[in-house]
Amino acid sequence: MFSNGRSIMSISAQADASRNTVKKYLASFKESGFTFEEVDALNDIELEDLFGKSREHAPSGRMHSLLRCFPHVDKELKRTGVNRHILWADYYKEFPDGYQYSQFASITINGRTGSIRPCI
């Protein structure tokens, strides 16, 4: 569509995707160096490798420090009278450059439901 002169806005409307998503895929397509015909011939797995996984990042140092504390945090949250704010205060004393409370709470909530699987 883009090579036919269609605007990003019209492509996003037809594909039911945001303009930024269309821009991201167009940038990935341009960076790949492939022609449209080559990309069109790829199967789903090859398309996922080309467009889907290139944006993944390694966990930051802050995330590593939080993951190191995660088993203790998870264990302590099960105790009566212990809440995330108390645990965050302890974490923040040990790691002053660590996450602020809102991110700490979000990560520990998601971690308890299985989204984050620390491998320590």
C-alpha atoms as a PDB file:
ATOM      1  CA  MET A   1       0.000   0.000   0.000  1.00  0.00           C
ATOM      2  CA  PHE A   2       2.751   2.430   0.980  1.00  0.00           C
ATOM      3  CA  SER A   3       4.693   1.706  -2.201  1.00  0.00           C
ATOM      4  CA  ASN A   4       1.532   2.540  -4.153  1.00  0.00           C
ATOM      5  CA  GLY A   5       1.530   6.049  -2.662  1.00  0.00           C
ATOM      6  CA  ARG A   6      -1.021   5.552   0.101  1.00  0.00           C
ATOM      7  CA  SER A   7      -0.569   7.653   3.209  1.00  0.00           C
ATOM      8  CA  ILE A   8       0.287   6.209   6.597  1.00  0.00           C
ATOM      9  CA  MET A   9      -3.044   7.448   7.932  1.00  0.00           C
ATOM     10  CA  SER A  10      -5.063   5.659   5.245  1.00  0.00           C
ATOM     11  CA  ILE A  11      -3.036   2.462   5.750  1.00  0.00           C
ATOM     12  CA  SER A  12      -3.634   2.609   9.503  1.00  0.00           C
ATOM     13  CA  ALA A  13      -7.360   3.104   8.969  1.00  0.00           C
ATOM     14  CA  GLN A  14      -7.607   0.166   6.551  1.00  0.00           C
ATOM     15  CA  ALA A  15      -5.432  -2.125   8.688  1.00  0.00           C
ATOM     16  CA  ASP A  16      -7.171  -1.016  11.898  1.00  0.00           C
ATOM     17  CA  ALA A  17      -3.780  -0.253  13.461  1.00  0.00           C
ATOM     18  CA  SER A  18      -2.354   2.923  14.958  1.00  0.00           C
ATOM     19  CA  ARG A  19      -0.239   5.250  12.822  1.00  0.00           C
ATOM     20  CA  ASN A  20       2.752   4.563  15.085  1.00  0.00           C
ATOM     21  CA  THR A  21       2.382   0.819  14.520  1.00  0.00           C
ATOM     22  CA  VAL A  22       2.333   1.356  10.757  1.00  0.00           C
ATOM     23  CA  LYS A  23       5.403   3.612  11.051  1.00  0.00           C
ATOM     24  CA  LYS A  24       7.200   0.952  13.124  1.00  0.00           C
ATOM     25  CA  TYR A  25       6.572  -1.758  10.536  1.00  0.00           C
ATOM     26  CA  LEU A  26       7.561   0.537   7.669  1.00  0.00           C
ATOM     27  CA  ALA A  27      10.816   1.413   9.452  1.00  0.00           C
ATOM     28  CA  SER A  28      11.547  -2.280  10.084  1.00  0.00           C
ATOM     29  CA  PHE A  29      10.793  -3.039   6.436  1.00  0.00           C
ATOM     30  CA  LYS A  30      13.166  -0.306   5.252  1.00  0.00           C
ATOM     31  CA  GLU A  31      15.918  -1.444   7.663  1.00  0.00           C
ATOM     32  CA  SER A  32      15.585  -5.061   6.521  1.00  0.00           C
ATOM     33  CA  GLY A  33      16.736  -4.309   2.967  1.00  0.00           C
ATOM     34  CA  PHE A  34      14.224  -6.798   1.542  1.00  0.00           C
ATOM     35  CA  THR A  35      11.996  -6.043  -1.418  1.00  0.00           C
ATOM     36  CA  PHE A  36       8.220  -6.252  -1.090  1.00  0.00           C
ATOM     37  CA  GLU A  37       8.176  -9.490  -3.089  1.00  0.00           C
ATOM     38  CA  GLU A  38      10.726 -11.097  -0.740  1.00  0.00           C
ATOM     39  CA  VAL A  39       8.757 -10.100   2.361  1.00  0.00           C
ATOM     40  CA  ASP A  40       5.504 -11.231   0.754  1.00  0.00           C
ATOM     41  CA  ALA A  41       7.006 -14.709   0.209  1.00  0.00           C
ATOM     42  CA  LEU A  42       7.950 -15.171   3.900  1.00  0.00           C
ATOM     43  CA  ASN A  43       5.919 -17.487   6.136  1.00  0.00           C
ATOM     44  CA  ASP A  44       4.486 -16.410   9.517  1.00  0.00           C
ATOM     45  CA  ILE A  45       7.483 -17.562  11.574  1.00  0.00           C
ATOM     46  CA  GLU A  46       9.939 -15.717   9.326  1.00  0.00           C
ATOM     47  CA  LEU A  47       7.770 -12.578   9.478  1.00  0.00           C
ATOM     48  CA  GLU A  48       7.714 -12.782  13.289  1.00  0.00           C
ATOM     49  CA  ASP A  49      11.512 -13.057  13.332  1.00  0.00           C
ATOM     50  CA  LEU A  50      11.844 -10.095  10.979  1.00  0.00           C
ATOM     51  CA  PHE A  51       9.283  -7.739  12.510  1.00  0.00           C
ATOM     52  CA  GLY A  52       8.366  -9.027  15.954  1.00  0.00           C
ATOM     53  CA  LYS A  53      11.458  -9.803  17.976  1.00  0.00           C
ATOM     54  CA  SER A  54      13.799  -7.004  16.964  1.00  0.00           C
ATOM     55  CA  ARG A  55      12.523  -4.650  19.675  1.00  0.00           C
ATOM     56  CA  GLU A  56      13.170  -6.938  22.666  1.00  0.00           C
ATOM     57  CA  HIS A  57      15.627  -5.600  25.219  1.00  0.00           C
ATOM     58  CA  ALA A  58      17.653  -7.295  27.901  1.00  0.00           C
ATOM     59  CA  PRO A  59      16.500  -6.589  31.473  1.00  0.00           C
ATOM     60  CA  SER A  60      18.099  -3.503  33.014  1.00  0.00           C
ATOM     61  CA  GLY A  61      20.334  -3.458  36.078  1.00  0.00           C
ATOM     62  CA  ARG A  62      17.415  -2.179  38.124  1.00  0.00           C
ATOM     63  CA  MET A  63      15.299  -5.128  37.024  1.00  0.00           C
ATOM     64  CA  HIS A  64      18.086  -7.561  37.925  1.00  0.00           C
ATOM     65  CA  SER A  65      18.353  -6.056  41.403  1.00  0.00           C
ATOM     66  CA  LEU A  66      14.583  -6.303  41.879  1.00  0.00           C
ATOM     67  CA  LEU A  67      14.482  -9.869  40.612  1.00  0.00           C
ATOM     68  CA  ARG A  68      17.209 -10.753  43.089  1.00  0.00           C
ATOM     69  CA  CYS A  69      14.930  -9.479  45.892  1.00  0.00           C
ATOM     70  CA  PHE A  70      11.795 -11.025  44.425  1.00  0.00           C
ATOM     71  CA  PRO A  71      11.749 -14.350  46.335  1.00  0.00           C
ATOM     72  CA  HIS A  72      12.080 -12.447  49.628  1.00  0.00           C
ATOM     73  CA  VAL A  73       9.384  -9.935  48.621  1.00  0.00           C
ATOM     74  CA  ASP A  74       7.012 -12.703  47.565  1.00  0.00           C
ATOM     75  CA  LYS A  75       7.574 -14.588  50.818  1.00  0.00           C
ATOM     76  CA  GLU A  76       7.170 -11.485  53.009  1.00  0.00           C
ATOM     77  CA  LEU A  77       3.945 -10.396  51.271  1.00  0.00           C
ATOM     78  CA  LYS A  78       2.293 -13.557  52.574  1.00  0.00           C
ATOM     79  CA  ARG A  79       2.933 -12.501  56.174  1.00  0.00           C
ATOM     80  CA  THR A  80       0.347 -10.598  58.200  1.00  0.00           C
ATOM     81  CA  GLY A  81       1.078  -6.895  58.612  1.00  0.00           C
ATOM     82  CA  VAL A  82       3.528  -6.684  55.709  1.00  0.00           C
ATOM     83  CA  ASN A  83       2.602  -4.635  52.667  1.00  0.00           C
ATOM     84  CA  ARG A  84       4.300  -3.544  49.451  1.00  0.00           C
ATOM     85  CA  HIS A  85       5.101  -0.085  50.757  1.00  0.00           C
ATOM     86  CA  ILE A  86       7.108  -1.478  53.683  1.00  0.00           C
ATOM     87  CA  LEU A  87       8.965  -3.864  51.383  1.00  0.00           C
ATOM     88  CA  TRP A  88       9.575  -1.116  48.837  1.00  0.00           C
ATOM     89  CA  ALA A  89      11.106   1.097  51.550  1.00  0.00           C
ATOM     90  CA  ASP A  90      13.542  -1.703  52.442  1.00  0.00           C
ATOM     91  CA  TYR A  91      14.303  -2.322  48.763  1.00  0.00           C
ATOM     92  CA  TYR A  92      14.853   1.395  48.102  1.00  0.00           C
ATOM     93  CA  LYS A  93      17.256   1.703  51.047  1.00  0.00           C
ATOM     94  CA  GLU A  94      19.376  -1.094  49.593  1.00  0.00           C
ATOM     95  CA  PHE A  95      19.027   0.102  45.961  1.00  0.00           C
ATOM     96  CA  PRO A  96      18.644   3.924  45.921  1.00  0.00           C
ATOM     97  CA  ASP A  97      18.707   3.941  42.114  1.00  0.00           C
ATOM     98  CA  GLY A  98      16.000   1.267  42.008  1.00  0.00           C
ATOM     99  CA  TYR A  99      12.377   1.510  40.997  1.00  0.00           C
ATOM    100  CA  GLN A 100      10.010   3.989  42.561  1.00  0.00           C
ATOM    101  CA  TYR A 101       7.028   2.624  44.465  1.00  0.00           C
ATOM    102  CA  SER A 102       4.508   2.530  41.596  1.00  0.00           C
ATOM    103  CA  GLN A 103       6.765   0.414  39.376  1.00  0.00           C
ATOM    104  CA  PHE A 104       7.804  -1.771  42.299  1.00  0.00           C
ATOM    105  CA  ALA A 105       4.156  -2.449  43.124  1.00  0.00           C
ATOM    106  CA  SER A 106       3.237  -3.104  39.506  1.00  0.00           C
ATOM    107  CA  ILE A 107       6.108  -5.537  38.991  1.00  0.00           C
ATOM    108  CA  THR A 108       5.474  -7.408  42.228  1.00  0.00           C
ATOM    109  CA  ILE A 109       1.751  -7.701  41.461  1.00  0.00           C
ATOM    110  CA  ASN A 110       2.428  -9.026  37.941  1.00  0.00           C
ATOM    111  CA  GLY A 111       5.195 -11.256  39.233  1.00  0.00           C
ATOM    112  CA  ARG A 112       2.841 -12.954  41.687  1.00  0.00           C
ATOM    113  CA  THR A 113       0.487 -13.816  38.824  1.00  0.00           C
ATOM    114  CA  GLY A 114       3.321 -15.350  36.822  1.00  0.00           C
ATOM    115  CA  SER A 115       4.199 -12.654  34.267  1.00  0.00           C
ATOM    116  CA  ILE A 116       7.734 -12.334  35.576  1.00  0.00           C
ATOM    117  CA  ARG A 117       9.574 -15.548  36.209  1.00  0.00           C
ATOM    118  CA  PRO A 118      12.830 -14.765  37.978  1.00  0.00           C
ATOM    119  CA  CYS A 119      15.646 -17.167  37.228  1.00  0.00           C
ATOM    120  CA  ILE A 120      17.953 -16.549  40.140  1.00  0.00           C
END
